Amino acid sequence: MRTRRLRRTRRRRLLTASLAGLTAAACIGVAGVDRPQAVPDTSDAAPVAATDPVGPPQDDFPSALAYSLAHPTAVPTGANDFTCRPGAAHPRPVVLVHGTMENRYDNWAALAPRLKEAGYCVFALNHGGTSGALLGTGDIAASARQLADFVDRVRAATGAAKVDLVGHSQGGMMPRYYLKNLGGAAQVDKLVALTPSNHGTTFSGLGLLALAFPGGDELLGRNCKACEQQLIGSDFLRELNAGAETDPDVTYTVITTRYDEVVTPYTSAYLDAAPNVTNVTNVKVQDLCPAELTEHVDISYNDVATRLVLNTLDPVHARRPVC
């Protein structure tokens, strides 16, 4: 029985990567890879530009990736309304932080509208690149500074004293640099991290990630500073994890999946609490739904993970996920 299940899991992972690539290839064929694109607003410190389309909600990662390849400056539905003012029920804006070789749209085309419908002011930035859909590849410290600038803009626009951060993969780890080194702990109440690369991954794990993106393998070998920094034992991760891994003034939630093929072992995503403080929750989706097969790339589209995010942001109205 276990052997059959593992085979199904491996087939599903391969299908996810292949489907992403095939869907993207079809999109490129329709859109044309050489077609001039609008220059994206890489500062992400201003409201959505007129050239940045608001993309439709998506139910799966391959569909969102395909859309973002044709519309690399797209903003997910519900995000980056700088006229939004938080209400008493949800006083902190939520800032979404994408992962390596991803962008604000393909990572959050499902979660952003869900959060907006739940009554949150939602914001999403692009970081770690200057153009195209495969972002999050630049120096992680520089990306953290982009996040710091973006959070400052969100706080100024909304009047909120603090924000909550939700990140995927590198986007769950990179904010820890902001919290530790750039004064972010005073601006952030919660960090919710989906399959974060907190203690790094292997090159083979990054290779599997690259397979999910057209051109990702070439980018991985040619110009991905963030990839080097996320390798197990890198200088960046050693410095980030030196001393306490968390700040006692921030609440951390790490959400993983047993079938993460990029951050391996999946438990390497987990964080240790600050000394004498219980400010960390580490949970995998299979703790609640043992038959759930979500993996690294599609976890931000997974209903169980989404419910865990919503429960963390609003524990008073938490509901058990439906398996």
Protein backbone atom coordinates (compact mmCIF):
# COMPACT_ATOMS: atom_id res chain seq x y z
CA MET A 1 0.00 0.00 0.00
CA ARG A 2 2.77 2.44 0.98
CA THR A 3 4.68 1.64 -2.23
CA ARG A 4 1.64 2.35 -4.39
CA ARG A 5 1.03 5.63 -2.58
CA LEU A 6 4.63 6.74 -3.03
CA ARG A 7 4.39 5.94 -6.73
CA ARG A 8 1.23 8.03 -7.01
CA THR A 9 2.96 10.86 -5.17
CA ARG A 10 5.97 10.78 -7.51
CA ARG A 11 3.67 10.75 -10.55
CA ARG A 12 1.76 13.71 -9.15
CA ARG A 13 4.94 15.72 -8.60
CA LEU A 14 6.11 15.01 -12.12
CA LEU A 15 2.69 15.95 -13.46
CA THR A 16 2.77 19.25 -11.58
CA ALA A 17 6.14 20.21 -13.06
CA SER A 18 5.25 18.95 -16.53
CA LEU A 19 1.86 20.62 -16.52
CA ALA A 20 3.39 23.92 -15.47
CA GLY A 21 5.92 23.69 -18.27
CA LEU A 22 3.39 22.63 -20.90
CA THR A 23 0.88 25.26 -19.88
CA ALA A 24 3.57 27.91 -19.96
CA ALA A 25 4.82 26.72 -23.34
CA ALA A 26 1.34 26.97 -24.77
CA CYS A 27 1.02 30.46 -23.33
CA ILE A 28 4.35 31.49 -24.86
CA GLY A 29 3.24 30.13 -28.19
CA VAL A 30 0.14 32.29 -28.10
CA ALA A 31 1.74 35.39 -26.63
CA GLY A 32 5.10 35.25 -28.39
CA VAL A 33 8.28 35.36 -26.37
CA ASP A 34 9.74 38.23 -28.35
CA ARG A 35 6.76 40.50 -27.95
CA PRO A 36 7.75 43.74 -26.15
CA GLN A 37 6.41 43.86 -22.61
CA ALA A 38 5.65 46.82 -20.42
CA VAL A 39 8.49 47.59 -18.01
CA PRO A 40 7.38 46.43 -14.54
CA ASP A 41 7.28 48.72 -11.56
CA THR A 42 10.17 47.06 -9.70
CA SER A 43 10.18 49.60 -6.88
CA ASP A 44 6.86 48.24 -5.65
CA ALA A 45 6.61 51.28 -3.43
CA ALA A 46 3.83 52.92 -5.43
CA PRO A 47 0.21 52.03 -6.18
CA VAL A 48 -0.44 49.72 -9.11
CA ALA A 49 0.61 51.36 -12.35
CA ALA A 50 -1.83 51.71 -15.22
CA THR A 51 0.29 49.23 -17.19
CA ASP A 52 -0.04 46.56 -14.49
CA PRO A 53 -3.10 44.42 -15.27
CA VAL A 54 -5.15 42.89 -12.49
CA GLY A 55 -5.12 39.19 -13.27
CA PRO A 56 -8.08 36.90 -12.67
CA PRO A 57 -8.26 34.51 -9.72
CA GLN A 58 -6.79 31.09 -10.47
CA ASP A 59 -7.39 27.63 -9.01
CA ASP A 60 -3.98 26.14 -9.76
CA PHE A 61 -0.37 27.14 -10.22
CA PRO A 62 0.08 26.15 -13.90
CA SER A 63 -2.78 28.42 -14.96
CA ALA A 64 -1.40 31.31 -12.92
CA LEU A 65 2.10 30.76 -14.32
CA ALA A 66 0.80 30.79 -17.87
CA TYR A 67 -1.02 34.07 -17.29
CA SER A 68 2.01 35.68 -15.66
CA LEU A 69 4.28 34.72 -18.56
CA ALA A 70 2.00 36.67 -20.90
CA HIS A 71 1.44 39.43 -18.31
CA PRO A 72 4.62 39.66 -16.23
CA THR A 73 3.51 42.79 -14.36
CA ALA A 74 0.14 41.32 -13.33
CA VAL A 75 -1.25 41.91 -9.87
CA PRO A 76 -3.47 39.26 -8.26
CA THR A 77 -7.12 40.11 -7.79
CA GLY A 78 -7.69 41.83 -4.47
CA ALA A 79 -4.11 43.04 -3.99
CA ASN A 80 -2.47 46.48 -3.97
CA ASP A 81 -5.48 48.70 -3.39
CA PHE A 82 -3.65 51.51 -1.65
CA THR A 83 -6.96 53.18 -0.76
CA CYS A 84 -7.87 50.21 1.47
CA ARG A 85 -8.23 51.01 5.17
CA PRO A 86 -8.12 48.11 7.64
CA GLY A 87 -11.20 47.56 9.78
CA ALA A 88 -11.45 46.58 13.42
CA ALA A 89 -11.86 42.90 12.56
CA HIS A 90 -8.59 42.79 10.61
CA PRO A 91 -6.51 45.79 11.69
CA ARG A 92 -3.26 44.67 10.06
CA PRO A 93 -2.72 44.61 6.28
CA VAL A 94 -1.40 41.36 4.84
CA VAL A 95 1.71 41.53 2.64
CA LEU A 96 2.33 38.55 0.35
CA VAL A 97 5.94 37.63 -0.49
CA HIS A 98 6.63 35.33 -3.44
CA GLY A 99 9.31 32.67 -3.81
CA THR A 100 12.26 31.98 -6.10
CA MET A 101 11.52 32.11 -9.86
CA GLU A 102 7.99 33.22 -9.02
CA ASN A 103 6.19 36.56 -8.93
CA ARG A 104 3.40 38.28 -7.05
CA TYR A 105 0.76 36.95 -9.44
CA ASP A 106 1.57 33.30 -10.05
CA ASN A 107 2.28 32.73 -6.35
CA TRP A 108 -0.83 34.47 -5.01
CA ALA A 109 -3.58 34.36 -7.67
CA ALA A 110 -5.68 32.17 -5.36
CA LEU A 111 -4.83 33.42 -1.86
CA ALA A 112 -4.98 37.18 -2.52
CA PRO A 113 -8.68 37.17 -3.53
CA ARG A 114 -9.50 34.82 -0.64
CA LEU A 115 -7.93 37.22 1.83
CA LYS A 116 -9.67 40.19 0.24
CA GLU A 117 -13.03 38.43 0.47
CA ALA A 118 -12.30 37.74 4.14
CA GLY A 119 -11.99 41.48 4.75
CA TYR A 120 -8.23 42.06 4.72
CA CYS A 121 -6.30 44.83 3.03
CA VAL A 122 -3.97 42.78 0.83
CA PHE A 123 -0.69 43.77 -0.80
CA ALA A 124 1.81 41.85 -2.90
CA LEU A 125 5.23 42.91 -4.14
CA ASN A 126 7.62 41.72 -6.82
CA HIS A 127 11.22 41.41 -5.65
CA GLY A 128 14.57 40.05 -6.68
CA GLY A 129 14.53 40.94 -10.37
CA THR A 130 14.00 43.70 -12.90
CA SER A 131 11.80 42.20 -15.64
CA GLY A 132 9.95 39.13 -16.77
CA ALA A 133 7.96 36.60 -14.77
CA LEU A 134 10.84 34.69 -13.13
CA LEU A 135 11.72 36.92 -10.19
CA GLY A 136 13.03 36.29 -6.69
CA THR A 137 16.45 35.41 -8.12
CA GLY A 138 18.51 38.39 -6.96
CA ASP A 139 20.48 38.91 -3.78
CA ILE A 140 18.21 38.05 -0.85
CA ALA A 141 19.44 40.93 1.29
CA ALA A 142 18.51 43.34 -1.53
CA SER A 143 15.08 41.70 -1.79
CA ALA A 144 14.64 42.18 1.95
CA ARG A 145 15.31 45.88 1.50
CA GLN A 146 12.63 45.96 -1.22
CA LEU A 147 10.27 44.30 1.24
CA ALA A 148 11.16 46.88 3.91
CA ASP A 149 10.38 49.73 1.50
CA PHE A 150 7.13 48.09 0.47
CA VAL A 151 5.99 47.54 4.05
CA ASP A 152 6.76 51.19 4.82
CA ARG A 153 4.58 52.24 1.90
CA VAL A 154 1.75 49.93 2.98
CA ARG A 155 1.87 51.22 6.55
CA ALA A 156 1.91 54.83 5.41
CA ALA A 157 -1.03 54.31 3.04
CA THR A 158 -3.20 52.30 5.42
CA GLY A 159 -2.29 53.94 8.72
CA ALA A 160 -1.52 50.55 10.23
CA ALA A 161 1.20 50.31 12.87
CA LYS A 162 2.11 46.75 11.84
CA VAL A 163 1.49 44.28 9.04
CA ASP A 164 1.30 40.50 8.80
CA LEU A 165 3.53 38.75 6.25
CA VAL A 166 2.65 35.59 4.31
CA GLY A 167 5.46 34.13 2.22
CA HIS A 168 6.20 31.08 0.11
CA SER A 169 9.57 29.29 -0.09
CA GLN A 170 12.24 32.03 -0.25
CA GLY A 171 9.39 34.43 0.51
CA GLY A 172 8.92 32.72 3.84
CA MET A 173 12.61 32.83 4.70
CA MET A 174 13.72 36.20 3.26
CA PRO A 175 11.47 38.25 5.60
CA ARG A 176 13.50 36.88 8.51
CA TYR A 177 16.46 38.93 7.21
CA TYR A 178 14.18 41.98 7.22
CA LEU A 179 13.04 41.20 10.76
CA LYS A 180 16.55 40.54 12.07
CA ASN A 181 18.68 43.10 10.24
CA LEU A 182 16.46 45.89 8.93
CA GLY A 183 14.23 46.72 11.88
CA GLY A 184 11.28 44.77 10.56
CA ALA A 185 10.41 43.18 13.91
CA ALA A 186 8.95 46.52 15.00
CA GLN A 187 6.71 46.65 11.90
CA VAL A 188 5.47 43.03 11.76
CA ASP A 189 3.14 41.08 14.03
CA LYS A 190 3.00 37.68 12.28
CA LEU A 191 5.10 35.84 9.70
CA VAL A 192 3.28 32.90 8.07
CA ALA A 193 5.64 30.85 5.90
CA LEU A 194 4.61 28.18 3.39
CA THR A 195 7.41 25.63 2.78
CA PRO A 196 10.14 28.18 3.61
CA SER A 197 13.81 27.52 2.88
CA ASN A 198 14.85 28.43 6.43
CA HIS A 199 17.77 26.01 6.60
CA GLY A 200 18.44 25.71 2.89
CA THR A 201 18.07 23.03 0.26
CA THR A 202 20.26 20.97 -2.03
CA PHE A 203 21.15 21.89 -5.57
CA SER A 204 19.02 18.96 -6.71
CA GLY A 205 16.09 20.49 -4.85
CA LEU A 206 16.62 23.77 -6.67
CA GLY A 207 16.93 21.80 -9.90
CA LEU A 208 13.50 20.27 -9.35
CA LEU A 209 12.13 23.75 -8.68
CA ALA A 210 13.65 25.03 -11.92
CA LEU A 211 11.89 22.27 -13.88
CA ALA A 212 8.54 23.83 -13.04
CA PHE A 213 9.42 27.03 -14.92
CA PRO A 214 10.25 27.43 -18.61
CA GLY A 215 13.83 28.67 -18.76
CA GLY A 216 14.27 28.04 -15.05
CA ASP A 217 17.09 25.54 -15.51
CA GLU A 218 19.09 28.03 -17.58
CA LEU A 219 18.45 30.78 -15.05
CA LEU A 220 19.51 28.50 -12.19
CA GLY A 221 22.88 27.86 -13.76
CA ARG A 222 23.50 31.35 -15.10
CA ASN A 223 22.29 34.10 -12.81
CA CYS A 224 20.46 33.22 -9.62
CA LYS A 225 22.20 34.72 -6.60
CA ALA A 226 19.26 33.76 -4.41
CA CYS A 227 19.68 30.12 -5.45
CA GLU A 228 23.28 30.08 -4.24
CA GLN A 229 22.24 31.72 -0.99
CA GLN A 230 19.61 29.07 -0.34
CA LEU A 231 21.98 26.12 -0.61
CA ILE A 232 22.51 24.22 2.63
CA GLY A 233 25.53 25.62 4.45
CA SER A 234 25.67 28.92 2.53
CA ASP A 235 27.25 31.92 4.24
CA PHE A 236 23.93 33.75 3.96
CA LEU A 237 21.99 31.06 5.84
CA ARG A 238 24.70 30.59 8.45
CA GLU A 239 24.55 34.30 9.28
CA LEU A 240 20.75 34.41 9.17
CA ASN A 241 20.39 31.46 11.56
CA ALA A 242 23.21 32.44 13.92
CA GLY A 243 21.94 33.01 17.43
CA ALA A 244 18.16 33.01 17.87
CA GLU A 245 16.24 32.03 14.74
CA THR A 246 13.23 34.12 15.69
CA ASP A 247 12.42 37.44 17.30
CA PRO A 248 10.35 37.31 20.51
CA ASP A 249 8.14 40.19 19.33
CA VAL A 250 6.97 38.34 16.19
CA THR A 251 4.73 35.28 15.93
CA TYR A 252 5.94 32.68 13.41
CA THR A 253 3.94 29.92 11.73
CA VAL A 254 5.63 27.47 9.36
CA ILE A 255 3.37 25.35 7.14
CA THR A 256 4.99 22.42 5.37
CA THR A 257 4.08 19.30 3.44
CA ARG A 258 5.57 15.85 3.76
CA TYR A 259 5.87 15.79 -0.05
CA ASP A 260 8.04 18.88 -0.43
CA GLU A 261 10.59 17.90 -3.06
CA VAL A 262 12.43 21.24 -3.08
CA VAL A 263 13.09 21.99 0.59
CA THR A 264 14.34 18.63 1.81
CA PRO A 265 13.88 17.22 4.30
CA TYR A 266 10.66 19.13 4.79
CA THR A 267 11.44 19.49 8.50
CA SER A 268 14.37 21.77 7.62
CA ALA A 269 11.74 24.48 7.07
CA TYR A 270 10.88 24.45 10.77
CA LEU A 271 12.05 27.16 13.16
CA ASP A 272 13.15 27.11 16.79
CA ALA A 273 11.39 29.48 19.14
CA ALA A 274 13.22 32.37 20.72
CA PRO A 275 14.65 31.50 24.16
CA ASN A 276 11.92 31.26 26.82
CA VAL A 277 9.26 32.29 24.29
CA THR A 278 6.57 30.14 22.64
CA ASN A 279 6.23 32.18 19.48
CA VAL A 280 6.64 29.45 16.84
CA THR A 281 4.15 26.96 15.41
CA ASN A 282 5.45 24.32 12.99
CA VAL A 283 2.76 22.29 11.24
CA LYS A 284 2.48 20.14 8.13
CA VAL A 285 -0.77 19.79 6.20
CA GLN A 286 -0.74 16.01 6.72
CA ASP A 287 -1.05 16.55 10.49
CA LEU A 288 -4.65 17.52 9.78
CA CYS A 289 -5.31 15.74 6.48
CA PRO A 290 -3.07 12.65 6.21
CA ALA A 291 -4.09 11.87 2.62
CA GLU A 292 -3.23 15.36 1.32
CA LEU A 293 -0.56 15.18 -1.42
CA THR A 294 0.27 18.84 -2.04
CA GLU A 295 3.94 19.58 -2.71
CA HIS A 296 6.25 22.60 -2.76
CA VAL A 297 5.12 24.64 -5.75
CA ASP A 298 1.36 24.24 -5.47
CA ILE A 299 0.96 24.62 -1.69
CA SER A 300 -0.21 28.23 -2.04
CA TYR A 301 -3.15 26.82 -4.06
CA ASN A 302 -3.95 24.09 -1.55
CA ASP A 303 -7.21 24.44 0.39
CA VAL A 304 -5.81 22.93 3.59
CA ALA A 305 -2.80 25.26 3.59
CA THR A 306 -5.06 28.21 2.81
CA ARG A 307 -7.26 27.40 5.78
CA LEU A 308 -4.18 27.19 8.01
CA VAL A 309 -3.10 30.64 6.80
CA LEU A 310 -6.54 32.09 7.51
CA ASN A 311 -6.62 30.44 10.94
CA THR A 312 -3.22 31.89 11.81
CA LEU A 313 -4.16 35.40 10.75
CA ASP A 314 -7.47 35.23 12.62
CA PRO A 315 -7.29 32.56 15.33
CA VAL A 316 -10.51 33.75 16.98
CA HIS A 317 -12.48 32.51 13.96
CA ALA A 318 -10.31 29.50 13.16
CA ARG A 319 -11.96 26.51 11.49
CA ARG A 320 -10.67 23.02 10.98
CA PRO A 321 -9.68 22.39 7.35
CA VAL A 322 -11.93 20.20 5.26
CA CYS A 323 -9.96 17.18 4.06
